[in-house]
Protein backbone atom coordinates (compact mmCIF):
# COMPACT_ATOMS: atom_id res chain seq x y z
CA MET A 1 90.08 93.91 106.71
CA ILE A 2 92.62 93.05 104.04
CA VAL A 3 92.11 96.35 102.25
CA TYR A 4 92.45 98.20 105.55
CA SER A 5 95.70 96.40 106.27
CA LEU A 6 97.14 97.19 102.87
CA LEU A 7 96.03 100.85 102.86
CA PHE A 8 96.59 102.02 106.42
CA LEU A 9 99.36 99.85 107.79
CA SER A 10 102.69 100.75 106.30
CA ALA A 11 104.72 97.85 105.00
CA ARG A 12 108.15 98.16 106.55
CA SER A 13 109.79 95.86 104.05
CA VAL A 14 109.18 94.08 100.82
CA GLU A 15 108.84 90.78 102.66
CA THR A 16 105.97 92.11 104.77
CA LEU A 17 104.15 93.28 101.67
CA VAL A 18 104.68 89.93 99.94
CA VAL A 19 103.35 88.03 102.96
CA ALA A 20 100.29 90.32 103.12
CA ILE A 21 99.56 89.74 99.43
CA ILE A 22 99.94 85.97 99.81
CA ALA A 23 97.65 85.97 102.85
CA ALA A 24 95.04 87.99 100.92
CA ALA A 25 95.25 85.60 97.97
CA LEU A 26 94.79 82.57 100.22
CA TYR A 27 91.85 84.20 101.98
CA LEU A 28 90.15 85.05 98.69
CA ARG A 29 90.82 81.53 97.40
CA GLN A 30 89.08 80.11 100.46
CA LEU A 31 86.09 82.41 99.94
CA VAL A 32 85.75 81.37 96.30
CA HIS A 33 85.99 77.70 97.27
CA ALA A 34 83.33 78.11 99.95
CA TYR A 35 81.05 79.99 97.54
CA ARG A 36 81.35 77.24 94.92
CA ALA A 37 80.74 74.47 97.47
CA ILE A 38 77.67 76.09 99.06
CA ASP A 39 75.30 74.07 96.87
CA SER A 40 76.44 70.83 98.47
CA TYR A 41 75.29 71.85 101.97
CA ASP A 42 71.81 71.12 103.30
CA GLY A 43 69.96 74.35 103.98
CA ALA A 44 72.34 76.42 101.88
CA GLU A 45 69.55 78.44 100.28
CA GLU A 46 68.21 79.55 103.66
CA ILE A 47 71.67 80.58 104.81
CA LEU A 48 72.32 82.58 101.63
CA HIS A 49 68.92 84.24 101.87
CA PHE A 50 69.62 85.25 105.48
CA LEU A 51 73.06 86.63 104.57
CA TRP A 52 71.75 88.63 101.62
CA GLU A 53 68.99 90.19 103.73
CA HIS A 54 71.11 91.06 106.76
CA PHE A 55 74.49 91.87 105.28
């Protein structure tokens, strides 16, 4: 979704592009944090196995 936004939606100003980059960085930071914390959840292995098989 982020790549689509950056490639196909034209940034009308520098501020719009900066906000899109900041939003992408925050989103990726959250994904990395969730990936690192997955070991602390009960049943994490089953969830990861399901995700790898279906997605």
